[in-house]
Every structure is written in C-alpha cells, then in structure tokens.
Amino acid sequence: MGLEDYQKSIEKQIMREMKIAHVFSIVLANMPHRLFKVFKEDEKMWRGCCYLLRGEIDYVALKNKISSLGGLYNLILRR
C-alpha cells in the first residue's frame, strides 16, 4: 500500500467519522438541555449514545440509525 492509497483510506474511514462527530459536537455544545431531554425521553436515542460511547457503533452507524442529521435536528427542535 502506497502513501496515496493510505491517504484515500484515511479519508474514506477516519475523516468521515470526524466530520459526523464534529456535527454532533456542535449540536451538543449549542443545545445541551434539549439534547439531554431527547435522551431522557427517547430510549432508542439514549441507547444509541451509550453504544457510541462504548465503541459498539461508530458515528456513521449512529447517523444512519437516525436517518439523517436533519432528522436529529427536527427531533431536538420539536421538544
């Protein structure tokens, strides 16, 4: 594997995770009370967060579980 292949692999796997994690961190930083309310009221969201923190799923899988980040925003904003 050459450096170019390594760079592509990094971009495909790690950078995608980093970008999604960054969006989640912005949501958490800007709306912690609403997000914690969602976790308190929605067992699936709470379990998803726990799986993420334990390393059982990654950010891409969590994003896919909630369909889209727009879905997460709608979930937070409607509460």
N, C-alpha and C. Protein backbone atom coordinates (compact mmCIF):
# COMPACT_ATOMS: atom_id res chain seq x y z
N MET A 1 0.84 -1.17 0.00
CA MET A 1 0.00 0.00 0.00
C MET A 1 0.89 1.24 0.00
N GLY A 2 0.71 2.09 -1.00
CA GLY A 2 1.48 3.32 -1.08
C GLY A 2 0.83 4.43 -0.26
N LEU A 3 1.52 5.55 -0.18
CA LEU A 3 1.01 6.69 0.60
C LEU A 3 -0.31 7.22 0.04
N GLU A 4 -0.46 7.18 -1.26
CA GLU A 4 -1.71 7.65 -1.88
C GLU A 4 -2.88 6.76 -1.47
N ASP A 5 -2.66 5.46 -1.46
CA ASP A 5 -3.70 4.53 -1.03
C ASP A 5 -4.02 4.72 0.45
N TYR A 6 -2.99 4.96 1.23
CA TYR A 6 -3.17 5.20 2.66
C TYR A 6 -4.00 6.46 2.89
N GLN A 7 -3.70 7.53 2.16
CA GLN A 7 -4.44 8.79 2.27
C GLN A 7 -5.91 8.58 1.92
N LYS A 8 -6.18 7.84 0.85
CA LYS A 8 -7.56 7.57 0.45
C LYS A 8 -8.29 6.77 1.52
N SER A 9 -7.60 5.82 2.09
CA SER A 9 -8.20 5.01 3.16
C SER A 9 -8.53 5.86 4.38
N ILE A 10 -7.63 6.75 4.74
CA ILE A 10 -7.85 7.66 5.87
C ILE A 10 -9.06 8.54 5.59
N GLU A 11 -9.10 9.12 4.40
CA GLU A 11 -10.21 10.00 4.04
C GLU A 11 -11.54 9.25 4.05
N LYS A 12 -11.52 8.02 3.57
CA LYS A 12 -12.76 7.25 3.48
C LYS A 12 -13.26 6.83 4.86
N GLN A 13 -12.39 6.41 5.74
CA GLN A 13 -12.81 5.86 7.02
C GLN A 13 -12.78 6.87 8.15
N ILE A 14 -11.66 7.48 8.38
CA ILE A 14 -11.49 8.32 9.56
C ILE A 14 -12.10 9.70 9.38
N MET A 15 -11.87 10.34 8.25
CA MET A 15 -12.36 11.69 8.06
C MET A 15 -13.89 11.74 8.06
N ARG A 16 -14.53 10.74 7.52
CA ARG A 16 -16.00 10.69 7.54
C ARG A 16 -16.50 10.66 8.98
N GLU A 17 -15.87 9.84 9.79
CA GLU A 17 -16.22 9.77 11.22
C GLU A 17 -15.99 11.11 11.89
N MET A 18 -14.87 11.73 11.60
CA MET A 18 -14.53 13.01 12.23
C MET A 18 -15.54 14.10 11.86
N LYS A 19 -15.97 14.13 10.62
CA LYS A 19 -16.94 15.14 10.18
C LYS A 19 -18.28 14.96 10.89
N ILE A 20 -18.75 13.74 10.98
CA ILE A 20 -20.02 13.48 11.66
C ILE A 20 -19.89 13.76 13.14
N ALA A 21 -18.79 13.36 13.75
CA ALA A 21 -18.56 13.64 15.17
C ALA A 21 -18.54 15.14 15.42
N HIS A 22 -17.97 15.89 14.51
CA HIS A 22 -17.92 17.34 14.65
C HIS A 22 -19.34 17.94 14.66
N VAL A 23 -20.19 17.48 13.77
CA VAL A 23 -21.57 17.97 13.73
C VAL A 23 -22.29 17.64 15.04
N PHE A 24 -22.13 16.40 15.53
CA PHE A 24 -22.75 16.02 16.80
C PHE A 24 -22.22 16.89 17.94
N SER A 25 -20.94 17.21 17.93
CA SER A 25 -20.39 18.04 19.00
C SER A 25 -20.94 19.46 18.95
N ILE A 26 -21.19 19.98 17.77
CA ILE A 26 -21.79 21.31 17.64
C ILE A 26 -23.20 21.30 18.22
N VAL A 27 -23.97 20.27 17.88
CA VAL A 27 -25.33 20.15 18.42
C VAL A 27 -25.29 20.08 19.94
N LEU A 28 -24.43 19.25 20.47
CA LEU A 28 -24.33 19.10 21.92
C LEU A 28 -23.90 20.41 22.58
N ALA A 29 -22.95 21.10 21.99
CA ALA A 29 -22.45 22.34 22.58
C ALA A 29 -23.49 23.46 22.54
N ASN A 30 -24.31 23.48 21.49
CA ASN A 30 -25.27 24.56 21.32
C ASN A 30 -26.64 24.30 21.94
N MET A 31 -26.99 23.04 22.12
CA MET A 31 -28.31 22.71 22.66
C MET A 31 -28.24 21.57 23.67
N PRO A 32 -27.39 21.66 24.68
CA PRO A 32 -27.24 20.52 25.59
C PRO A 32 -28.52 20.15 26.32
N HIS A 33 -29.29 21.13 26.75
CA HIS A 33 -30.50 20.83 27.51
C HIS A 33 -31.53 20.10 26.66
N ARG A 34 -31.69 20.55 25.42
CA ARG A 34 -32.65 19.87 24.52
C ARG A 34 -32.18 18.46 24.18
N LEU A 35 -30.90 18.32 23.92
CA LEU A 35 -30.38 17.00 23.58
C LEU A 35 -30.51 16.04 24.75
N PHE A 36 -30.22 16.51 25.97
CA PHE A 36 -30.37 15.66 27.14
C PHE A 36 -31.84 15.31 27.38
N LYS A 37 -32.74 16.23 27.05
CA LYS A 37 -34.18 15.94 27.16
C LYS A 37 -34.57 14.83 26.19
N VAL A 38 -34.02 14.90 24.98
CA VAL A 38 -34.28 13.84 23.99
C VAL A 38 -33.77 12.51 24.52
N PHE A 39 -32.56 12.48 25.08
CA PHE A 39 -32.02 11.24 25.63
C PHE A 39 -32.88 10.71 26.76
N LYS A 40 -33.39 11.60 27.58
CA LYS A 40 -34.22 11.20 28.72
C LYS A 40 -35.56 10.61 28.26
N GLU A 41 -36.12 11.18 27.21
CA GLU A 41 -37.45 10.78 26.76
C GLU A 41 -37.44 9.69 25.69
N ASP A 42 -36.33 9.49 25.02
CA ASP A 42 -36.28 8.54 23.90
C ASP A 42 -35.23 7.47 24.20
N GLU A 43 -35.70 6.30 24.58
CA GLU A 43 -34.82 5.19 24.96
C GLU A 43 -33.87 4.79 23.83
N LYS A 44 -34.36 4.80 22.60
CA LYS A 44 -33.51 4.41 21.46
C LYS A 44 -32.36 5.39 21.27
N MET A 45 -32.64 6.67 21.40
CA MET A 45 -31.58 7.67 21.27
C MET A 45 -30.56 7.50 22.39
N TRP A 46 -31.04 7.27 23.62
CA TRP A 46 -30.14 7.08 24.76
C TRP A 46 -29.26 5.86 24.53
N ARG A 47 -29.87 4.74 24.11
CA ARG A 47 -29.08 3.53 23.85
C ARG A 47 -28.07 3.75 22.74
N GLY A 48 -28.47 4.48 21.69
CA GLY A 48 -27.54 4.79 20.61
C GLY A 48 -26.33 5.56 21.10
N CYS A 49 -26.58 6.53 21.98
CA CYS A 49 -25.48 7.30 22.56
C CYS A 49 -24.57 6.40 23.40
N CYS A 50 -25.19 5.52 24.18
CA CYS A 50 -24.39 4.60 25.01
C CYS A 50 -23.55 3.66 24.15
N TYR A 51 -24.14 3.14 23.08
CA TYR A 51 -23.39 2.27 22.17
C TYR A 51 -22.20 3.03 21.58
N LEU A 52 -22.44 4.29 21.22
CA LEU A 52 -21.38 5.12 20.64
C LEU A 52 -20.25 5.31 21.65
N LEU A 53 -20.60 5.67 22.87
CA LEU A 53 -19.58 5.92 23.89
C LEU A 53 -18.79 4.66 24.25
N ARG A 54 -19.44 3.50 24.17
CA ARG A 54 -18.75 2.24 24.47
C ARG A 54 -17.98 1.70 23.27
N GLY A 55 -18.11 2.35 22.13
CA GLY A 55 -17.40 1.91 20.93
C GLY A 55 -18.07 0.75 20.22
N GLU A 56 -19.33 0.49 20.53
CA GLU A 56 -20.05 -0.61 19.90
C GLU A 56 -20.59 -0.24 18.52
N ILE A 57 -20.78 1.06 18.28
CA ILE A 57 -21.12 1.57 16.95
C ILE A 57 -20.26 2.81 16.72
N ASP A 58 -20.20 3.24 15.48
CA ASP A 58 -19.45 4.45 15.18
C ASP A 58 -20.42 5.57 14.79
N TYR A 59 -19.90 6.75 14.54
CA TYR A 59 -20.74 7.89 14.20
C TYR A 59 -21.51 7.67 12.90
N VAL A 60 -20.89 7.02 11.94
CA VAL A 60 -21.58 6.76 10.68
C VAL A 60 -22.80 5.86 10.93
N ALA A 61 -22.63 4.83 11.73
CA ALA A 61 -23.74 3.94 12.03
C ALA A 61 -24.83 4.67 12.81
N LEU A 62 -24.44 5.52 13.76
CA LEU A 62 -25.43 6.28 14.52
C LEU A 62 -26.19 7.23 13.61
N LYS A 63 -25.48 7.90 12.73
CA LYS A 63 -26.13 8.81 11.77
C LYS A 63 -27.12 8.04 10.91
N ASN A 64 -26.74 6.86 10.45
CA ASN A 64 -27.63 6.05 9.63
C ASN A 64 -28.86 5.60 10.42
N LYS A 65 -28.69 5.33 11.71
CA LYS A 65 -29.82 4.90 12.53
C LYS A 65 -30.87 5.99 12.70
N ILE A 66 -30.45 7.23 12.72
CA ILE A 66 -31.42 8.31 12.86
C ILE A 66 -31.77 8.92 11.51
N SER A 67 -31.42 8.23 10.45
CA SER A 67 -31.75 8.55 9.06
C SER A 67 -30.93 9.69 8.48
N SER A 68 -30.90 10.82 9.15
CA SER A 68 -30.11 11.94 8.65
C SER A 68 -29.91 12.93 9.80
N LEU A 69 -28.96 13.80 9.65
CA LEU A 69 -28.76 14.83 10.67
C LEU A 69 -29.94 15.76 10.74
N GLY A 70 -30.61 15.97 9.62
CA GLY A 70 -31.83 16.78 9.64
C GLY A 70 -32.87 16.16 10.55
N GLY A 71 -32.94 14.83 10.57
CA GLY A 71 -33.85 14.15 11.48
C GLY A 71 -33.50 14.41 12.93
N LEU A 72 -32.22 14.45 13.23
CA LEU A 72 -31.79 14.73 14.59
C LEU A 72 -32.15 16.15 14.97
N TYR A 73 -31.92 17.10 14.08
CA TYR A 73 -32.29 18.48 14.37
C TYR A 73 -33.79 18.60 14.61
N ASN A 74 -34.58 17.95 13.76
CA ASN A 74 -36.04 18.02 13.93
C ASN A 74 -36.45 17.41 15.26
N LEU A 75 -35.83 16.31 15.64
CA LEU A 75 -36.14 15.66 16.91
C LEU A 75 -35.83 16.59 18.08
N ILE A 76 -34.71 17.27 18.01
CA ILE A 76 -34.31 18.17 19.10
C ILE A 76 -35.20 19.42 19.12
N LEU A 77 -35.46 19.98 17.98
CA LEU A 77 -36.19 21.25 17.93
C LEU A 77 -37.66 21.11 18.26
N ARG A 78 -38.25 19.95 18.07
CA ARG A 78 -39.68 19.80 18.34
C ARG A 78 -39.98 19.62 19.81
N ARG A 79 -39.01 19.44 20.63
CA ARG A 79 -39.23 19.20 22.06
C ARG A 79 -39.26 20.48 22.84
